[in-house]
Amino acid sequence: MIPGMDPKAVKQAMKKLGVRQEEIEAKEVIIKCEDRDIVIQNPQVVKINMMGQDSIQITGNIIERESEVFNEDDIKTVMEQTGCDRETAKLLLEKEGDIASAILAFEYKK
């Protein structure tokens, strides 16, 4: 809230202005970018509606990590089709760019 002001008074003023707040329980917030994920751990998430517009305010511990281009299902598909281990499937996907090419590359190398 606003420092030095009574929280109850601030709440009443916001209500008069038509501002509504709703706290959202969250364990983690992930923002997926093209080349990385922004992860907010232990977030405090508040949805604010002001004059018909919704916005979300997030605070917490922010970390960044490289985003994975391929998901677990893609890796499993390559593993099932080729019989290779998880690490090999992941490397094939990263090198070849898609599931079909990864499978063909593995078969070609046999």
N, C-alpha and C. Protein backbone atom coordinates (compact mmCIF):
# COMPACT_ATOMS: atom_id res chain seq x y z
N MET A 1 0.82 -1.19 0.00
CA MET A 1 0.00 0.00 0.00
C MET A 1 0.87 1.26 0.00
N ILE A 2 0.24 2.38 0.34
CA ILE A 2 0.94 3.67 0.34
C ILE A 2 1.52 3.92 1.73
N PRO A 3 2.84 4.17 1.81
CA PRO A 3 3.47 4.39 3.12
C PRO A 3 2.87 5.59 3.86
N GLY A 4 2.69 5.43 5.15
CA GLY A 4 2.18 6.53 5.98
C GLY A 4 0.68 6.72 5.94
N MET A 5 -0.03 5.90 5.17
CA MET A 5 -1.48 6.02 5.10
C MET A 5 -2.13 4.80 5.74
N ASP A 6 -3.27 5.01 6.30
CA ASP A 6 -4.04 3.94 6.91
C ASP A 6 -4.52 3.00 5.81
N PRO A 7 -4.18 1.71 5.90
CA PRO A 7 -4.58 0.74 4.86
C PRO A 7 -6.08 0.71 4.62
N LYS A 8 -6.86 0.89 5.69
CA LYS A 8 -8.32 0.89 5.55
C LYS A 8 -8.78 2.09 4.72
N ALA A 9 -8.16 3.27 4.95
CA ALA A 9 -8.51 4.48 4.21
C ALA A 9 -8.13 4.33 2.73
N VAL A 10 -6.99 3.71 2.48
CA VAL A 10 -6.55 3.49 1.10
C VAL A 10 -7.52 2.57 0.38
N LYS A 11 -7.97 1.53 1.07
CA LYS A 11 -8.91 0.58 0.50
C LYS A 11 -10.23 1.28 0.14
N GLN A 12 -10.71 2.14 1.04
CA GLN A 12 -11.95 2.87 0.79
C GLN A 12 -11.79 3.83 -0.39
N ALA A 13 -10.65 4.51 -0.47
CA ALA A 13 -10.41 5.44 -1.58
C ALA A 13 -10.37 4.70 -2.91
N MET A 14 -9.72 3.53 -2.91
CA MET A 14 -9.65 2.74 -4.13
C MET A 14 -11.03 2.26 -4.55
N LYS A 15 -11.86 1.90 -3.57
CA LYS A 15 -13.22 1.45 -3.87
C LYS A 15 -14.02 2.58 -4.51
N LYS A 16 -13.86 3.82 -3.98
CA LYS A 16 -14.56 4.98 -4.54
C LYS A 16 -14.13 5.25 -5.98
N LEU A 17 -12.86 4.99 -6.27
CA LEU A 17 -12.34 5.21 -7.63
C LEU A 17 -12.67 4.06 -8.57
N GLY A 18 -13.27 3.02 -8.05
CA GLY A 18 -13.64 1.87 -8.89
C GLY A 18 -12.49 0.91 -9.12
N VAL A 19 -11.51 0.93 -8.22
CA VAL A 19 -10.37 0.03 -8.35
C VAL A 19 -10.62 -1.19 -7.46
N ARG A 20 -10.54 -2.39 -8.10
CA ARG A 20 -10.71 -3.62 -7.33
C ARG A 20 -9.43 -4.42 -7.41
N GLN A 21 -9.06 -5.03 -6.29
CA GLN A 21 -7.87 -5.87 -6.21
C GLN A 21 -8.26 -7.27 -5.78
N GLU A 22 -7.60 -8.23 -6.37
CA GLU A 22 -7.84 -9.63 -6.00
C GLU A 22 -6.48 -10.32 -5.92
N GLU A 23 -6.18 -10.91 -4.78
CA GLU A 23 -4.93 -11.63 -4.63
C GLU A 23 -5.08 -13.02 -5.24
N ILE A 24 -4.07 -13.45 -5.99
CA ILE A 24 -4.08 -14.75 -6.64
C ILE A 24 -3.00 -15.61 -6.00
N GLU A 25 -3.41 -16.78 -5.52
CA GLU A 25 -2.46 -17.72 -4.92
C GLU A 25 -1.66 -18.37 -6.05
N ALA A 26 -0.33 -18.25 -6.01
CA ALA A 26 0.52 -18.85 -7.05
C ALA A 26 1.79 -19.38 -6.41
N LYS A 27 2.27 -20.50 -6.96
CA LYS A 27 3.52 -21.09 -6.48
C LYS A 27 4.71 -20.55 -7.27
N GLU A 28 4.49 -20.29 -8.56
CA GLU A 28 5.56 -19.84 -9.44
C GLU A 28 4.93 -19.19 -10.66
N VAL A 29 5.58 -18.16 -11.19
CA VAL A 29 5.12 -17.50 -12.40
C VAL A 29 6.24 -17.61 -13.43
N ILE A 30 5.90 -18.08 -14.63
CA ILE A 30 6.89 -18.23 -15.69
C ILE A 30 6.47 -17.37 -16.88
N ILE A 31 7.38 -16.50 -17.31
CA ILE A 31 7.16 -15.70 -18.50
C ILE A 31 8.07 -16.27 -19.58
N LYS A 32 7.48 -16.80 -20.65
CA LYS A 32 8.25 -17.45 -21.70
C LYS A 32 8.58 -16.43 -22.78
N CYS A 33 9.87 -16.19 -22.96
CA CYS A 33 10.37 -15.32 -24.01
C CYS A 33 10.92 -16.18 -25.15
N GLU A 34 11.34 -15.55 -26.22
CA GLU A 34 11.88 -16.29 -27.36
C GLU A 34 13.07 -17.16 -26.98
N ASP A 35 14.00 -16.60 -26.22
CA ASP A 35 15.25 -17.30 -25.95
C ASP A 35 15.47 -17.65 -24.48
N ARG A 36 14.56 -17.24 -23.59
CA ARG A 36 14.74 -17.51 -22.18
C ARG A 36 13.41 -17.49 -21.47
N ASP A 37 13.39 -18.06 -20.28
CA ASP A 37 12.22 -18.01 -19.41
C ASP A 37 12.56 -17.13 -18.22
N ILE A 38 11.65 -16.27 -17.85
CA ILE A 38 11.79 -15.48 -16.63
C ILE A 38 10.91 -16.14 -15.59
N VAL A 39 11.53 -16.63 -14.51
CA VAL A 39 10.81 -17.38 -13.49
C VAL A 39 10.76 -16.53 -12.22
N ILE A 40 9.55 -16.36 -11.69
CA ILE A 40 9.37 -15.63 -10.45
C ILE A 40 8.94 -16.63 -9.39
N GLN A 41 9.85 -16.87 -8.44
CA GLN A 41 9.60 -17.83 -7.38
C GLN A 41 9.03 -17.11 -6.16
N ASN A 42 8.22 -17.81 -5.39
CA ASN A 42 7.55 -17.24 -4.22
C ASN A 42 6.83 -15.94 -4.58
N PRO A 43 6.01 -15.97 -5.62
CA PRO A 43 5.39 -14.73 -6.08
C PRO A 43 4.22 -14.26 -5.21
N GLN A 44 4.06 -12.96 -5.22
CA GLN A 44 2.86 -12.35 -4.67
C GLN A 44 2.17 -11.72 -5.88
N VAL A 45 1.01 -12.26 -6.23
CA VAL A 45 0.33 -11.87 -7.46
C VAL A 45 -0.98 -11.17 -7.10
N VAL A 46 -1.18 -9.98 -7.68
CA VAL A 46 -2.39 -9.22 -7.44
C VAL A 46 -3.00 -8.82 -8.79
N LYS A 47 -4.27 -9.18 -8.97
CA LYS A 47 -5.01 -8.78 -10.17
C LYS A 47 -5.74 -7.49 -9.82
N ILE A 48 -5.55 -6.47 -10.64
CA ILE A 48 -6.15 -5.16 -10.38
C ILE A 48 -7.07 -4.80 -11.54
N ASN A 49 -8.30 -4.42 -11.21
CA ASN A 49 -9.24 -3.96 -12.22
C ASN A 49 -9.49 -2.49 -11.96
N MET A 50 -9.12 -1.67 -12.95
CA MET A 50 -9.31 -0.23 -12.83
C MET A 50 -9.98 0.27 -14.11
N MET A 51 -11.15 0.82 -13.94
CA MET A 51 -11.92 1.37 -15.06
C MET A 51 -12.11 0.33 -16.18
N GLY A 52 -12.39 -0.92 -15.79
CA GLY A 52 -12.67 -1.97 -16.76
C GLY A 52 -11.45 -2.65 -17.34
N GLN A 53 -10.27 -2.17 -17.00
CA GLN A 53 -9.03 -2.77 -17.50
C GLN A 53 -8.39 -3.63 -16.43
N ASP A 54 -8.04 -4.87 -16.77
CA ASP A 54 -7.35 -5.76 -15.84
C ASP A 54 -5.85 -5.65 -16.04
N SER A 55 -5.13 -5.65 -14.95
CA SER A 55 -3.68 -5.75 -14.99
C SER A 55 -3.24 -6.63 -13.83
N ILE A 56 -2.03 -7.15 -13.95
CA ILE A 56 -1.51 -8.04 -12.91
C ILE A 56 -0.17 -7.51 -12.44
N GLN A 57 -0.03 -7.46 -11.13
CA GLN A 57 1.22 -7.03 -10.51
C GLN A 57 1.85 -8.26 -9.85
N ILE A 58 3.14 -8.50 -10.17
CA ILE A 58 3.83 -9.67 -9.63
C ILE A 58 5.12 -9.21 -8.96
N THR A 59 5.32 -9.66 -7.73
CA THR A 59 6.59 -9.43 -7.05
C THR A 59 7.09 -10.77 -6.55
N GLY A 60 8.41 -10.90 -6.43
CA GLY A 60 8.99 -12.15 -5.95
C GLY A 60 10.45 -12.25 -6.34
N ASN A 61 11.02 -13.43 -6.17
CA ASN A 61 12.42 -13.69 -6.51
C ASN A 61 12.51 -14.04 -7.98
N ILE A 62 13.22 -13.22 -8.75
CA ILE A 62 13.29 -13.40 -10.20
C ILE A 62 14.59 -14.09 -10.60
N ILE A 63 14.45 -15.14 -11.41
CA ILE A 63 15.62 -15.79 -12.00
C ILE A 63 15.34 -15.95 -13.50
N GLU A 64 16.40 -16.04 -14.28
CA GLU A 64 16.26 -16.27 -15.71
C GLU A 64 16.95 -17.57 -16.06
N ARG A 65 16.36 -18.29 -17.02
CA ARG A 65 16.98 -19.52 -17.49
C ARG A 65 16.70 -19.67 -18.98
N GLU A 66 17.57 -20.41 -19.65
CA GLU A 66 17.35 -20.66 -21.08
C GLU A 66 16.08 -21.46 -21.24
N SER A 67 15.30 -21.11 -22.24
CA SER A 67 14.07 -21.86 -22.46
C SER A 67 14.36 -23.09 -23.30
N GLU A 68 13.64 -24.15 -23.02
CA GLU A 68 13.78 -25.37 -23.80
C GLU A 68 12.87 -25.27 -25.01
N VAL A 69 13.45 -25.53 -26.16
CA VAL A 69 12.69 -25.44 -27.40
C VAL A 69 11.74 -26.62 -27.53
N PHE A 70 12.17 -27.78 -27.03
CA PHE A 70 11.38 -29.00 -27.17
C PHE A 70 10.84 -29.42 -25.81
N ASN A 71 9.61 -29.91 -25.80
CA ASN A 71 9.02 -30.34 -24.53
C ASN A 71 9.26 -31.83 -24.31
N GLU A 72 8.81 -32.30 -23.18
CA GLU A 72 9.02 -33.69 -22.77
C GLU A 72 8.38 -34.68 -23.75
N ASP A 73 7.22 -34.33 -24.29
CA ASP A 73 6.55 -35.22 -25.25
C ASP A 73 7.38 -35.41 -26.51
N ASP A 74 8.03 -34.33 -26.98
CA ASP A 74 8.88 -34.42 -28.17
C ASP A 74 10.04 -35.38 -27.91
N ILE A 75 10.66 -35.24 -26.74
CA ILE A 75 11.80 -36.09 -26.38
C ILE A 75 11.36 -37.55 -26.30
N LYS A 76 10.20 -37.79 -25.65
CA LYS A 76 9.69 -39.16 -25.53
C LYS A 76 9.38 -39.77 -26.90
N THR A 77 8.84 -38.98 -27.80
CA THR A 77 8.52 -39.48 -29.14
C THR A 77 9.78 -39.95 -29.85
N VAL A 78 10.84 -39.14 -29.80
CA VAL A 78 12.10 -39.53 -30.45
C VAL A 78 12.66 -40.78 -29.78
N MET A 79 12.60 -40.85 -28.46
CA MET A 79 13.08 -42.03 -27.74
C MET A 79 12.33 -43.29 -28.16
N GLU A 80 11.00 -43.19 -28.24
CA GLU A 80 10.17 -44.35 -28.61
C GLU A 80 10.41 -44.79 -30.04
N GLN A 81 10.57 -43.84 -30.94
CA GLN A 81 10.74 -44.18 -32.36
C GLN A 81 12.13 -44.70 -32.69
N THR A 82 13.12 -44.30 -31.90
CA THR A 82 14.50 -44.69 -32.23
C THR A 82 15.09 -45.70 -31.26
N GLY A 83 14.54 -45.77 -30.04
CA GLY A 83 15.10 -46.64 -29.03
C GLY A 83 16.32 -46.04 -28.33
N CYS A 84 16.60 -44.76 -28.58
CA CYS A 84 17.77 -44.13 -27.96
C CYS A 84 17.42 -43.63 -26.55
N ASP A 85 18.45 -43.23 -25.81
CA ASP A 85 18.23 -42.71 -24.46
C ASP A 85 17.79 -41.25 -24.51
N ARG A 86 17.38 -40.74 -23.36
CA ARG A 86 16.84 -39.38 -23.25
C ARG A 86 17.83 -38.31 -23.73
N GLU A 87 19.07 -38.42 -23.29
CA GLU A 87 20.08 -37.42 -23.63
C GLU A 87 20.34 -37.38 -25.14
N THR A 88 20.41 -38.56 -25.76
CA THR A 88 20.62 -38.63 -27.21
C THR A 88 19.43 -38.01 -27.94
N ALA A 89 18.23 -38.32 -27.49
CA ALA A 89 17.02 -37.76 -28.12
C ALA A 89 17.02 -36.24 -28.04
N LYS A 90 17.39 -35.73 -26.88
CA LYS A 90 17.43 -34.28 -26.69
C LYS A 90 18.47 -33.63 -27.60
N LEU A 91 19.64 -34.24 -27.69
CA LEU A 91 20.70 -33.72 -28.57
C LEU A 91 20.28 -33.76 -30.03
N LEU A 92 19.62 -34.84 -30.44
CA LEU A 92 19.14 -34.95 -31.81
C LEU A 92 18.13 -33.85 -32.14
N LEU A 93 17.21 -33.61 -31.21
CA LEU A 93 16.20 -32.57 -31.42
C LEU A 93 16.85 -31.19 -31.54
N GLU A 94 17.81 -30.91 -30.67
CA GLU A 94 18.49 -29.61 -30.70
C GLU A 94 19.26 -29.43 -32.00
N LYS A 95 19.91 -30.50 -32.45
CA LYS A 95 20.73 -30.42 -33.67
C LYS A 95 19.89 -30.36 -34.93
N GLU A 96 18.86 -31.20 -35.00
CA GLU A 96 18.08 -31.34 -36.23
C GLU A 96 16.93 -30.33 -36.34
N GLY A 97 16.39 -29.88 -35.21
CA GLY A 97 15.37 -28.83 -35.26
C GLY A 97 13.93 -29.29 -35.20
N ASP A 98 13.64 -30.56 -35.50
CA ASP A 98 12.27 -31.05 -35.38
C ASP A 98 12.28 -32.57 -35.16
N ILE A 99 11.14 -33.11 -34.80
CA ILE A 99 11.03 -34.52 -34.43
C ILE A 99 11.37 -35.44 -35.60
N ALA A 100 10.76 -35.19 -36.76
CA ALA A 100 10.97 -36.07 -37.91
C ALA A 100 12.44 -36.11 -38.32
N SER A 101 13.07 -34.96 -38.39
CA SER A 101 14.48 -34.90 -38.78
C SER A 101 15.37 -35.60 -37.76
N ALA A 102 15.02 -35.47 -36.47
CA ALA A 102 15.79 -36.13 -35.42
C ALA A 102 15.72 -37.64 -35.56
N ILE A 103 14.53 -38.16 -35.84
CA ILE A 103 14.34 -39.61 -36.01
C ILE A 103 15.10 -40.09 -37.25
N LEU A 104 14.96 -39.35 -38.35
CA LEU A 104 15.66 -39.74 -39.59
C LEU A 104 17.18 -39.70 -39.41
N ALA A 105 17.67 -38.70 -38.70
CA ALA A 105 19.11 -38.58 -38.46
C ALA A 105 19.63 -39.77 -37.66
N PHE A 106 18.86 -40.18 -36.68
CA PHE A 106 19.27 -41.33 -35.87
C PHE A 106 19.28 -42.59 -36.72
N GLU A 107 18.24 -42.79 -37.53
CA GLU A 107 18.14 -43.98 -38.37
C GLU A 107 19.26 -44.00 -39.42
N TYR A 108 19.61 -42.82 -39.93
CA TYR A 108 20.64 -42.73 -40.95
C TYR A 108 22.02 -43.09 -40.38
N LYS A 109 22.25 -42.74 -39.12
CA LYS A 109 23.54 -42.99 -38.48
C LYS A 109 23.74 -44.45 -38.11
N LYS A 110 22.67 -45.24 -38.13
CA LYS A 110 22.77 -46.68 -37.76
C LYS A 110 23.67 -47.43 -38.70
